[in-house]
Amino acid sequence: MRRPLILLLLVLAFPAMAGEKLSGEAIREAFQGNTVAGAYSNGGLFSEYHAPDGRALGDNGLTLNVDACWNIDGDAICYHYGPPKDRRSYCFTVEKQGEEYRLSVRDDGRLNAIARIFKGNPENHDDGGRRWSCDDLLAGLASPSALARSSLAGSSLAGPSFARR
């Protein structure tokens, strides 16, 4: 079911047209409690359930997320993958165009992915019974943006996706 939809996304996604840039609160309203699935600009696929507690459950088409979280930082969504010593963080602005959401690297505006949002968790993404921490869901951090800037915030992804607070 998911693969044909993703292929349809690829066909519909590219030519780029201007859309509505979403505020942080609008991103939270759209993503929280829902599944964001789509294709990276390099062609890789992803599907992640944005749990209300800040976990990003799902996969990037190749790897299951483990200890992955999301948060809103200003008018961007940030994703944090892995334990602190190996953590990779990425932040994106989001533009909505019809049913599509364009995620662009916050630091330089490069298009990273095009996605659609599916209500709830239709793919039944879960944590597989593993402990999920993301530093206890990013609690106690001085600032989620400091975490994102301290790692690879400007990187374009060939794999994993996003995070919330």
C-alpha atoms as a PDB file:
ATOM      1  CA  MET A   1       0.000   0.000   0.000  1.00  0.00           C
ATOM      2  CA  ARG A   2       2.730   2.512   0.943  1.00  0.00           C
ATOM      3  CA  ARG A   3       5.039   1.914  -2.049  1.00  0.00           C
ATOM      4  CA  PRO A   4       2.506   2.838  -4.790  1.00  0.00           C
ATOM      5  CA  LEU A   5       1.644   6.009  -2.884  1.00  0.00           C
ATOM      6  CA  ILE A   6       5.315   6.942  -2.575  1.00  0.00           C
ATOM      7  CA  LEU A   7       5.826   6.385  -6.306  1.00  0.00           C
ATOM      8  CA  LEU A   8       2.840   8.620  -6.978  1.00  0.00           C
ATOM      9  CA  LEU A   9       4.479  11.236  -4.756  1.00  0.00           C
ATOM     10  CA  LEU A  10       7.639  11.077  -6.833  1.00  0.00           C
ATOM     11  CA  VAL A  11       5.694  11.692 -10.025  1.00  0.00           C
ATOM     12  CA  LEU A  12       3.685  14.562  -8.564  1.00  0.00           C
ATOM     13  CA  ALA A  13       6.425  16.122  -6.463  1.00  0.00           C
ATOM     14  CA  PHE A  14       8.857  17.690  -8.813  1.00  0.00           C
ATOM     15  CA  PRO A  15       8.368  20.635 -10.437  1.00  0.00           C
ATOM     16  CA  ALA A  16       8.828  22.955  -7.511  1.00  0.00           C
ATOM     17  CA  MET A  17       6.149  25.537  -7.049  1.00  0.00           C
ATOM     18  CA  ALA A  18       5.805  27.996  -4.213  1.00  0.00           C
ATOM     19  CA  GLY A  19       3.669  26.917  -1.317  1.00  0.00           C
ATOM     20  CA  GLU A  20       2.663  28.224   2.089  1.00  0.00           C
ATOM     21  CA  LYS A  21       5.577  28.351   4.559  1.00  0.00           C
ATOM     22  CA  LEU A  22       4.381  26.870   7.853  1.00  0.00           C
ATOM     23  CA  SER A  23       5.023  28.330  11.294  1.00  0.00           C
ATOM     24  CA  GLY A  24       6.388  26.084  14.021  1.00  0.00           C
ATOM     25  CA  GLU A  25       2.920  25.754  15.538  1.00  0.00           C
ATOM     26  CA  ALA A  26       1.408  24.838  12.147  1.00  0.00           C
ATOM     27  CA  ILE A  27       4.122  22.192  11.657  1.00  0.00           C
ATOM     28  CA  ARG A  28       3.369  20.760  15.114  1.00  0.00           C
ATOM     29  CA  GLU A  29      -0.370  20.663  14.372  1.00  0.00           C
ATOM     30  CA  ALA A  30       0.208  18.873  11.056  1.00  0.00           C
ATOM     31  CA  PHE A  31       2.920  16.384  12.137  1.00  0.00           C
ATOM     32  CA  GLN A  32       2.187  15.542  15.788  1.00  0.00           C
ATOM     33  CA  GLY A  33       0.330  12.267  16.184  1.00  0.00           C
ATOM     34  CA  ASN A  34       0.527  11.561  12.440  1.00  0.00           C
ATOM     35  CA  THR A  35       2.728   9.671   9.986  1.00  0.00           C
ATOM     36  CA  VAL A  36       4.886  11.635   7.569  1.00  0.00           C
ATOM     37  CA  ALA A  37       5.917   9.558   4.536  1.00  0.00           C
ATOM     38  CA  GLY A  38       7.612  10.496   1.316  1.00  0.00           C
ATOM     39  CA  ALA A  39      10.781  10.632  -0.713  1.00  0.00           C
ATOM     40  CA  TYR A  40      14.101  12.366  -0.216  1.00  0.00           C
ATOM     41  CA  SER A  41      15.304  14.541  -3.067  1.00  0.00           C
ATOM     42  CA  ASN A  42      17.885  11.821  -3.834  1.00  0.00           C
ATOM     43  CA  GLY A  43      15.102   9.239  -4.253  1.00  0.00           C
ATOM     44  CA  GLY A  44      15.249   7.399  -0.896  1.00  0.00           C
ATOM     45  CA  LEU A  45      11.945   6.706   0.858  1.00  0.00           C
ATOM     46  CA  PHE A  46      10.886   7.249   4.485  1.00  0.00           C
ATOM     47  CA  SER A  47       7.889   6.858   6.781  1.00  0.00           C
ATOM     48  CA  GLU A  48       7.842   8.130  10.384  1.00  0.00           C
ATOM     49  CA  TYR A  49       5.133   8.361  12.992  1.00  0.00           C
ATOM     50  CA  HIS A  50       5.551  11.580  15.006  1.00  0.00           C
ATOM     51  CA  ALA A  51       4.504  10.414  18.467  1.00  0.00           C
ATOM     52  CA  PRO A  52       3.099  13.153  20.731  1.00  0.00           C
ATOM     53  CA  ASP A  53       5.826  12.355  23.296  1.00  0.00           C
ATOM     54  CA  GLY A  54       8.571  13.361  20.826  1.00  0.00           C
ATOM     55  CA  ARG A  55       9.610   9.953  19.472  1.00  0.00           C
ATOM     56  CA  ALA A  56      10.076   9.542  15.699  1.00  0.00           C
ATOM     57  CA  LEU A  57       9.043   5.927  15.075  1.00  0.00           C
ATOM     58  CA  GLY A  58       9.475   4.321  11.682  1.00  0.00           C
ATOM     59  CA  ASP A  59      12.155   3.979   9.064  1.00  0.00           C
ATOM     60  CA  ASN A  60      13.967   5.642   6.223  1.00  0.00           C
ATOM     61  CA  GLY A  61      13.321   2.768   3.839  1.00  0.00           C
ATOM     62  CA  LEU A  62      16.626   1.130   4.778  1.00  0.00           C
ATOM     63  CA  THR A  63      16.968   1.369   8.561  1.00  0.00           C
ATOM     64  CA  LEU A  64      14.515   1.298  11.452  1.00  0.00           C
ATOM     65  CA  ASN A  65      14.718   4.324  13.723  1.00  0.00           C
ATOM     66  CA  VAL A  66      16.272   3.655  17.118  1.00  0.00           C
ATOM     67  CA  ASP A  67      16.335   6.432  19.692  1.00  0.00           C
ATOM     68  CA  ALA A  68      15.053   9.002  17.200  1.00  0.00           C
ATOM     69  CA  CYS A  69      13.124  12.095  18.298  1.00  0.00           C
ATOM     70  CA  TRP A  70      11.599  15.232  16.862  1.00  0.00           C
ATOM     71  CA  ASN A  71      10.965  18.756  18.169  1.00  0.00           C
ATOM     72  CA  ILE A  72       9.871  22.145  16.914  1.00  0.00           C
ATOM     73  CA  ASP A  73      12.530  24.871  17.003  1.00  0.00           C
ATOM     74  CA  GLY A  74      11.154  28.246  15.979  1.00  0.00           C
ATOM     75  CA  ASP A  75       9.605  27.747  12.542  1.00  0.00           C
ATOM     76  CA  ALA A  76      11.437  24.485  11.822  1.00  0.00           C
ATOM     77  CA  ILE A  77      11.133  20.819  12.669  1.00  0.00           C
ATOM     78  CA  CYS A  78      14.268  19.109  13.944  1.00  0.00           C
ATOM     79  CA  TYR A  79      15.088  15.405  14.043  1.00  0.00           C
ATOM     80  CA  HIS A  80      17.638  13.813  16.358  1.00  0.00           C
ATOM     81  CA  TYR A  81      18.904  10.284  15.648  1.00  0.00           C
ATOM     82  CA  GLY A  82      20.929   8.050  17.934  1.00  0.00           C
ATOM     83  CA  PRO A  83      22.616   8.276  21.333  1.00  0.00           C
ATOM     84  CA  PRO A  84      24.382  11.511  22.357  1.00  0.00           C
ATOM     85  CA  LYS A  85      27.890  10.436  21.319  1.00  0.00           C
ATOM     86  CA  ASP A  86      26.719   9.463  17.805  1.00  0.00           C
ATOM     87  CA  ARG A  87      23.686  11.749  17.461  1.00  0.00           C
ATOM     88  CA  ARG A  88      22.872  13.312  14.118  1.00  0.00           C
ATOM     89  CA  SER A  89      20.450  16.242  14.099  1.00  0.00           C
ATOM     90  CA  TYR A  90      18.742  17.881  11.141  1.00  0.00           C
ATOM     91  CA  CYS A  91      16.375  20.861  11.009  1.00  0.00           C
ATOM     92  CA  PHE A  92      13.958  21.739   8.221  1.00  0.00           C
ATOM     93  CA  THR A  93      11.533  24.451   7.279  1.00  0.00           C
ATOM     94  CA  VAL A  94       8.250  23.169   5.893  1.00  0.00           C
ATOM     95  CA  GLU A  95       6.173  24.447   2.985  1.00  0.00           C
ATOM     96  CA  LYS A  96       2.714  23.104   2.253  1.00  0.00           C
ATOM     97  CA  GLN A  97       1.524  22.910  -1.338  1.00  0.00           C
ATOM     98  CA  GLY A  98      -1.819  21.168  -1.660  1.00  0.00           C
ATOM     99  CA  GLU A  99      -1.413  17.780   0.028  1.00  0.00           C
ATOM    100  CA  GLU A 100       2.383  17.845  -0.225  1.00  0.00           C
ATOM    101  CA  TYR A 101       4.867  19.071   2.361  1.00  0.00           C
ATOM    102  CA  ARG A 102       8.292  20.233   1.183  1.00  0.00           C
ATOM    103  CA  LEU A 103      11.041  19.958   3.784  1.00  0.00           C
ATOM    104  CA  SER A 104      14.052  22.191   3.137  1.00  0.00           C
ATOM    105  CA  VAL A 105      17.312  22.355   5.088  1.00  0.00           C
ATOM    106  CA  ARG A 106      16.872  25.279   7.476  1.00  0.00           C
ATOM    107  CA  ASP A 107      20.429  26.585   7.082  1.00  0.00           C
ATOM    108  CA  ASP A 108      20.584  26.853   3.288  1.00  0.00           C
ATOM    109  CA  GLY A 109      17.085  26.219   1.894  1.00  0.00           C
ATOM    110  CA  ARG A 110      18.024  23.094  -0.105  1.00  0.00           C
ATOM    111  CA  LEU A 111      15.049  20.803  -0.749  1.00  0.00           C
ATOM    112  CA  ASN A 112      15.538  17.637   1.308  1.00  0.00           C
ATOM    113  CA  ALA A 113      12.244  15.753   0.932  1.00  0.00           C
ATOM    114  CA  ILE A 114       8.656  15.854  -0.220  1.00  0.00           C
ATOM    115  CA  ALA A 115       6.091  14.113   1.947  1.00  0.00           C
ATOM    116  CA  ARG A 116       2.445  13.532   2.652  1.00  0.00           C
ATOM    117  CA  ILE A 117       0.808  13.258   6.047  1.00  0.00           C
ATOM    118  CA  PHE A 118      -1.357  10.308   7.020  1.00  0.00           C
ATOM    119  CA  LYS A 119      -3.634  10.571  10.051  1.00  0.00           C
ATOM    120  CA  GLY A 120      -2.478   8.583  13.045  1.00  0.00           C
ATOM    121  CA  ASN A 121      -0.130   5.624  12.698  1.00  0.00           C
ATOM    122  CA  PRO A 122      -1.528   3.550   9.784  1.00  0.00           C
ATOM    123  CA  GLU A 123       1.819   1.732   9.294  1.00  0.00           C
ATOM    124  CA  ASN A 124       1.805   0.736  13.000  1.00  0.00           C
ATOM    125  CA  HIS A 125       5.338   2.075  13.552  1.00  0.00           C
ATOM    126  CA  ASP A 126       6.514   1.248  17.075  1.00  0.00           C
ATOM    127  CA  ASP A 127       9.637   1.129  19.221  1.00  0.00           C
ATOM    128  CA  GLY A 128      10.037  -2.647  18.910  1.00  0.00           C
ATOM    129  CA  GLY A 129      10.158  -2.887  22.699  1.00  0.00           C
ATOM    130  CA  ARG A 130      13.461  -0.974  22.828  1.00  0.00           C
ATOM    131  CA  ARG A 131      14.126   1.783  25.353  1.00  0.00           C
ATOM    132  CA  TRP A 132      13.741   5.110  23.597  1.00  0.00           C
ATOM    133  CA  SER A 133      15.489   7.969  25.312  1.00  0.00           C
ATOM    134  CA  CYS A 134      16.669  10.839  23.090  1.00  0.00           C
ATOM    135  CA  ASP A 135      18.067  12.090  26.392  1.00  0.00           C
ATOM    136  CA  ASP A 136      14.687  11.355  27.933  1.00  0.00           C
ATOM    137  CA  LEU A 137      12.890  12.961  25.023  1.00  0.00           C
ATOM    138  CA  LEU A 138      15.054  16.076  24.892  1.00  0.00           C
ATOM    139  CA  ALA A 139      14.012  17.105  28.429  1.00  0.00           C
ATOM    140  CA  GLY A 140      16.576  19.079  30.347  1.00  0.00           C
ATOM    141  CA  LEU A 141      18.357  20.398  27.265  1.00  0.00           C
ATOM    142  CA  ALA A 142      19.271  24.061  27.391  1.00  0.00           C
ATOM    143  CA  SER A 143      17.765  24.453  23.951  1.00  0.00           C
ATOM    144  CA  PRO A 144      16.776  22.014  21.197  1.00  0.00           C
ATOM    145  CA  SER A 145      18.320  24.407  18.672  1.00  0.00           C
ATOM    146  CA  ALA A 146      21.663  24.242  20.508  1.00  0.00           C
ATOM    147  CA  LEU A 147      21.534  20.456  20.144  1.00  0.00           C
ATOM    148  CA  ALA A 148      20.739  20.735  16.445  1.00  0.00           C
ATOM    149  CA  ARG A 149      23.485  23.283  15.811  1.00  0.00           C
ATOM    150  CA  SER A 150      26.024  21.201  17.736  1.00  0.00           C
ATOM    151  CA  SER A 151      25.717  18.343  15.269  1.00  0.00           C
ATOM    152  CA  LEU A 152      25.008  18.074  11.535  1.00  0.00           C
ATOM    153  CA  ALA A 153      22.079  20.476  11.332  1.00  0.00           C
ATOM    154  CA  GLY A 154      22.792  21.582   7.773  1.00  0.00           C
ATOM    155  CA  SER A 155      23.301  18.152   6.272  1.00  0.00           C
ATOM    156  CA  SER A 156      21.081  16.827   3.542  1.00  0.00           C
ATOM    157  CA  LEU A 157      19.800  13.369   4.281  1.00  0.00           C
ATOM    158  CA  ALA A 158      20.101  10.300   2.192  1.00  0.00           C
ATOM    159  CA  GLY A 159      18.428   8.352   4.951  1.00  0.00           C
ATOM    160  CA  PRO A 160      16.664   9.356   8.195  1.00  0.00           C
ATOM    161  CA  SER A 161      14.127  12.142   8.669  1.00  0.00           C
ATOM    162  CA  PHE A 162      12.746  14.367  11.741  1.00  0.00           C
ATOM    163  CA  ALA A 163      11.732  15.469  15.696  1.00  0.00           C
ATOM    164  CA  ARG A 164       9.273  17.488  18.132  1.00  0.00           C
ATOM    165  CA  ARG A 165       9.133  18.909  21.592  1.00  0.00           C
END
